[in-house]
Amino acid sequence: MFITFTPNQVHFCYGKNSWYYAFEEIIELGLVRKKKNHLFINVLFGLVTAVAYYCMLFTKIPDLYYIIPSLMVFAILTILRFHDTGEFDYYVLVRDCYQKEITVKIKSKDRLIVGKQIDIFSSIQFAQTIKKTA
C-alpha cells in the first residue's frame, strides 16, 4: 500500500518520497498522465537520414560504406523507440489548501494500485463531506 489512511490523516510513501496531510488539507488528489516525448530519437533519425542522403548525392563513397552503418543506426533507433511499451508517464498530484502542489512520478505497473487507493480516498472524503452537511 502506497497510501495509508488513518482517521484524520493520509500518509503517502513511494520510494524516497513521503508526505502526510490531514483530510481537510487536501483539495485535490489524483493521477496525472503525460505522454512520453521521443524528440531526441526522432531528431537522431532525421540526422542519420540527412547524412546518408548527403553521402549518396555529394560524395564518391561506395554504397556499402554508408548504407550498412545507416541501416544499423536505424535499427538501433527503432529498437530504442519501441523498447518501452508504456506510452505515458504517470504522476500522483496533490494540491493542498496552502497552494502547495506535490507531484510524484510513479511506475506504470503501480498505476492501478495507486488509482484504487485514490478512489478509496475520494469515497472517504465524500463520506466525511456528507456527514458534515447532514
C-alpha atoms as a PDB file:
ATOM      1  CA  MET A   1       0.000   0.000   0.000  1.00  0.00           C
ATOM      2  CA  PHE A   2       1.411   3.311  -1.035  1.00  0.00           C
ATOM      3  CA  ILE A   3      -1.328   5.428   0.532  1.00  0.00           C
ATOM      4  CA  THR A   4      -2.300   4.701   4.131  1.00  0.00           C
ATOM      5  CA  PHE A   5      -5.426   6.157   5.717  1.00  0.00           C
ATOM      6  CA  THR A   6      -5.796   6.936   9.404  1.00  0.00           C
ATOM      7  CA  PRO A   7      -8.936   8.522  10.877  1.00  0.00           C
ATOM      8  CA  ASN A   8      -7.527  12.039  10.475  1.00  0.00           C
ATOM      9  CA  GLN A   9      -4.607  11.786   8.061  1.00  0.00           C
ATOM     10  CA  VAL A  10      -3.467  10.495   4.700  1.00  0.00           C
ATOM     11  CA  HIS A  11       0.086   9.093   4.528  1.00  0.00           C
ATOM     12  CA  PHE A  12       1.834   8.578   1.192  1.00  0.00           C
ATOM     13  CA  CYS A  13       5.094   6.690   0.808  1.00  0.00           C
ATOM     14  CA  TYR A  14       6.555   5.795  -2.589  1.00  0.00           C
ATOM     15  CA  GLY A  15      10.273   5.191  -2.961  1.00  0.00           C
ATOM     16  CA  LYS A  16      12.117   8.105  -1.405  1.00  0.00           C
ATOM     17  CA  ASN A  17       9.055  10.376  -1.447  1.00  0.00           C
ATOM     18  CA  SER A  18       6.773  10.508   1.541  1.00  0.00           C
ATOM     19  CA  TRP A  19       4.285  13.024   2.907  1.00  0.00           C
ATOM     20  CA  TYR A  20       1.232  13.194   5.103  1.00  0.00           C
ATOM     21  CA  TYR A  21      -1.733  15.539   5.248  1.00  0.00           C
ATOM     22  CA  ALA A  22      -4.906  15.857   7.231  1.00  0.00           C
ATOM     23  CA  PHE A  23      -8.064  15.044   5.255  1.00  0.00           C
ATOM     24  CA  GLU A  24      -9.200  18.673   5.406  1.00  0.00           C
ATOM     25  CA  GLU A  25      -5.918  19.991   3.970  1.00  0.00           C
ATOM     26  CA  ILE A  26      -6.096  18.085   0.674  1.00  0.00           C
ATOM     27  CA  ILE A  27      -8.027  19.915  -2.042  1.00  0.00           C
ATOM     28  CA  GLU A  28      -7.120  17.600  -4.916  1.00  0.00           C
ATOM     29  CA  LEU A  29      -5.520  14.159  -5.067  1.00  0.00           C
ATOM     30  CA  GLY A  30      -5.287  12.399  -8.392  1.00  0.00           C
ATOM     31  CA  LEU A  31      -3.300  10.672 -11.102  1.00  0.00           C
ATOM     32  CA  VAL A  32      -1.892  12.666 -13.985  1.00  0.00           C
ATOM     33  CA  ARG A  33      -0.551  11.102 -17.155  1.00  0.00           C
ATOM     34  CA  LYS A  34       1.828  12.765 -19.560  1.00  0.00           C
ATOM     35  CA  LYS A  35       2.734  11.450 -22.993  1.00  0.00           C
ATOM     36  CA  LYS A  36       6.369  10.466 -23.317  1.00  0.00           C
ATOM     37  CA  ASN A  37       8.497  12.633 -25.561  1.00  0.00           C
ATOM     38  CA  HIS A  38      10.599  10.940 -28.242  1.00  0.00           C
ATOM     39  CA  LEU A  39      12.065  14.129 -29.689  1.00  0.00           C
ATOM     40  CA  PHE A  40      15.715  13.101 -29.223  1.00  0.00           C
ATOM     41  CA  ILE A  41      15.303   9.789 -31.065  1.00  0.00           C
ATOM     42  CA  ASN A  42      13.278  11.460 -33.832  1.00  0.00           C
ATOM     43  CA  VAL A  43      15.963  14.113 -34.330  1.00  0.00           C
ATOM     44  CA  LEU A  44      18.681  11.444 -34.477  1.00  0.00           C
ATOM     45  CA  PHE A  45      16.655   9.517 -37.056  1.00  0.00           C
ATOM     46  CA  GLY A  46      16.407  12.633 -39.241  1.00  0.00           C
ATOM     47  CA  LEU A  47      20.086  13.402 -38.780  1.00  0.00           C
ATOM     48  CA  VAL A  48      21.157   9.905 -39.866  1.00  0.00           C
ATOM     49  CA  THR A  49      18.848  10.154 -42.876  1.00  0.00           C
ATOM     50  CA  ALA A  50      20.340  13.526 -43.831  1.00  0.00           C
ATOM     51  CA  VAL A  51      23.902  12.195 -43.543  1.00  0.00           C
ATOM     52  CA  ALA A  52      23.027   9.132 -45.665  1.00  0.00           C
ATOM     53  CA  TYR A  53      21.473  11.335 -48.382  1.00  0.00           C
ATOM     54  CA  TYR A  54      24.489  13.630 -48.300  1.00  0.00           C
ATOM     55  CA  CYS A  55      26.830  10.651 -48.738  1.00  0.00           C
ATOM     56  CA  MET A  56      24.655   9.280 -51.540  1.00  0.00           C
ATOM     57  CA  LEU A  57      24.387  12.513 -53.532  1.00  0.00           C
ATOM     58  CA  PHE A  58      27.533  14.540 -52.909  1.00  0.00           C
ATOM     59  CA  THR A  59      30.348  12.081 -52.232  1.00  0.00           C
ATOM     60  CA  LYS A  60      32.053   9.312 -54.154  1.00  0.00           C
ATOM     61  CA  ILE A  61      31.863   6.863 -51.217  1.00  0.00           C
ATOM     62  CA  PRO A  62      30.808   3.341 -52.309  1.00  0.00           C
ATOM     63  CA  ASP A  63      27.276   2.358 -51.283  1.00  0.00           C
ATOM     64  CA  LEU A  64      28.425  -0.279 -48.864  1.00  0.00           C
ATOM     65  CA  TYR A  65      30.292   2.218 -46.682  1.00  0.00           C
ATOM     66  CA  TYR A  66      27.300   4.417 -45.815  1.00  0.00           C
ATOM     67  CA  ILE A  67      24.217   2.236 -46.324  1.00  0.00           C
ATOM     68  CA  ILE A  68      25.148  -0.563 -43.903  1.00  0.00           C
ATOM     69  CA  PRO A  69      26.051   1.784 -40.996  1.00  0.00           C
ATOM     70  CA  SER A  70      22.903   3.821 -41.711  1.00  0.00           C
ATOM     71  CA  LEU A  71      20.722   0.703 -41.585  1.00  0.00           C
ATOM     72  CA  MET A  72      22.377  -0.391 -38.340  1.00  0.00           C
ATOM     73  CA  VAL A  73      21.761   3.002 -36.732  1.00  0.00           C
ATOM     74  CA  PHE A  74      18.130   2.981 -37.968  1.00  0.00           C
ATOM     75  CA  ALA A  75      17.665  -0.456 -36.404  1.00  0.00           C
ATOM     76  CA  ILE A  76      19.136   0.696 -33.077  1.00  0.00           C
ATOM     77  CA  LEU A  77      16.986   3.837 -33.032  1.00  0.00           C
ATOM     78  CA  THR A  78      13.857   1.819 -33.828  1.00  0.00           C
ATOM     79  CA  ILE A  79      14.620  -0.613 -31.008  1.00  0.00           C
ATOM     80  CA  LEU A  80      15.165   2.277 -28.585  1.00  0.00           C
ATOM     81  CA  ARG A  81      11.920   3.913 -29.668  1.00  0.00           C
ATOM     82  CA  PHE A  82       9.707   0.848 -29.277  1.00  0.00           C
ATOM     83  CA  HIS A  83      11.506  -0.923 -26.441  1.00  0.00           C
ATOM     84  CA  ASP A  84       9.412   0.693 -23.709  1.00  0.00           C
ATOM     85  CA  THR A  85       5.797  -0.396 -24.127  1.00  0.00           C
ATOM     86  CA  GLY A  86       4.446   2.325 -21.835  1.00  0.00           C
ATOM     87  CA  GLU A  87       3.263   5.312 -23.787  1.00  0.00           C
ATOM     88  CA  PHE A  88       2.695   7.554 -20.766  1.00  0.00           C
ATOM     89  CA  ASP A  89       4.459   8.682 -17.605  1.00  0.00           C
ATOM     90  CA  TYR A  90       2.221   8.701 -14.525  1.00  0.00           C
ATOM     91  CA  TYR A  91       2.332  11.136 -11.609  1.00  0.00           C
ATOM     92  CA  VAL A  92       0.447  11.452  -8.329  1.00  0.00           C
ATOM     93  CA  LEU A  93      -0.682  15.069  -7.927  1.00  0.00           C
ATOM     94  CA  VAL A  94      -1.549  16.574  -4.549  1.00  0.00           C
ATOM     95  CA  ARG A  95      -2.822  20.115  -4.064  1.00  0.00           C
ATOM     96  CA  ASP A  96      -3.388  21.343  -0.557  1.00  0.00           C
ATOM     97  CA  CYS A  97      -5.222  24.288   0.940  1.00  0.00           C
ATOM     98  CA  TYR A  98      -1.924  26.225   1.265  1.00  0.00           C
ATOM     99  CA  GLN A  99      -1.494  26.423  -2.554  1.00  0.00           C
ATOM    100  CA  LYS A 100       1.309  23.867  -2.376  1.00  0.00           C
ATOM    101  CA  GLU A 101       1.496  21.275  -5.135  1.00  0.00           C
ATOM    102  CA  ILE A 102       3.352  17.968  -4.965  1.00  0.00           C
ATOM    103  CA  THR A 103       3.900  15.671  -7.956  1.00  0.00           C
ATOM    104  CA  VAL A 104       5.484  12.252  -7.561  1.00  0.00           C
ATOM    105  CA  LYS A 105       6.371  10.125 -10.586  1.00  0.00           C
ATOM    106  CA  ILE A 106       5.201   6.529 -10.254  1.00  0.00           C
ATOM    107  CA  LYS A 107       5.900   3.420 -12.302  1.00  0.00           C
ATOM    108  CA  SER A 108       3.350   2.267 -14.851  1.00  0.00           C
ATOM    109  CA  LYS A 109       2.900  -1.055 -13.091  1.00  0.00           C
ATOM    110  CA  ASP A 110       1.869   0.715  -9.846  1.00  0.00           C
ATOM    111  CA  ARG A 111      -0.713   2.916 -11.560  1.00  0.00           C
ATOM    112  CA  LEU A 112      -3.678   0.618 -10.929  1.00  0.00           C
ATOM    113  CA  ILE A 113      -2.921   0.153  -7.228  1.00  0.00           C
ATOM    114  CA  VAL A 114      -2.411   3.865  -6.623  1.00  0.00           C
ATOM    115  CA  GLY A 115      -5.550   4.649  -8.656  1.00  0.00           C
ATOM    116  CA  LYS A 116      -7.635   2.334  -6.474  1.00  0.00           C
ATOM    117  CA  GLN A 117      -6.211   3.927  -3.339  1.00  0.00           C
ATOM    118  CA  ILE A 118      -7.053   7.393  -4.672  1.00  0.00           C
ATOM    119  CA  ASP A 119     -10.612   6.181  -5.331  1.00  0.00           C
ATOM    120  CA  ILE A 120     -10.799   4.993  -1.715  1.00  0.00           C
ATOM    121  CA  PHE A 121      -9.614   8.434  -0.591  1.00  0.00           C
ATOM    122  CA  SER A 122     -12.283  10.099  -2.711  1.00  0.00           C
ATOM    123  CA  SER A 123     -15.022   7.923  -1.232  1.00  0.00           C
ATOM    124  CA  ILE A 124     -13.819   8.586   2.341  1.00  0.00           C
ATOM    125  CA  GLN A 125     -13.659  12.318   1.655  1.00  0.00           C
ATOM    126  CA  PHE A 126     -17.149  12.225   0.137  1.00  0.00           C
ATOM    127  CA  ALA A 127     -18.500  10.358   3.171  1.00  0.00           C
ATOM    128  CA  GLN A 128     -16.946  12.932   5.507  1.00  0.00           C
ATOM    129  CA  THR A 129     -18.479  15.776   3.488  1.00  0.00           C
ATOM    130  CA  ILE A 130     -21.898  14.126   3.672  1.00  0.00           C
ATOM    131  CA  LYS A 131     -21.573  13.718   7.465  1.00  0.00           C
ATOM    132  CA  LYS A 132     -20.696  17.407   7.846  1.00  0.00           C
ATOM    133  CA  THR A 133     -23.619  18.638   5.759  1.00  0.00           C
ATOM    134  CA  ALA A 134     -26.202  16.214   7.182  1.00  0.00           C
END
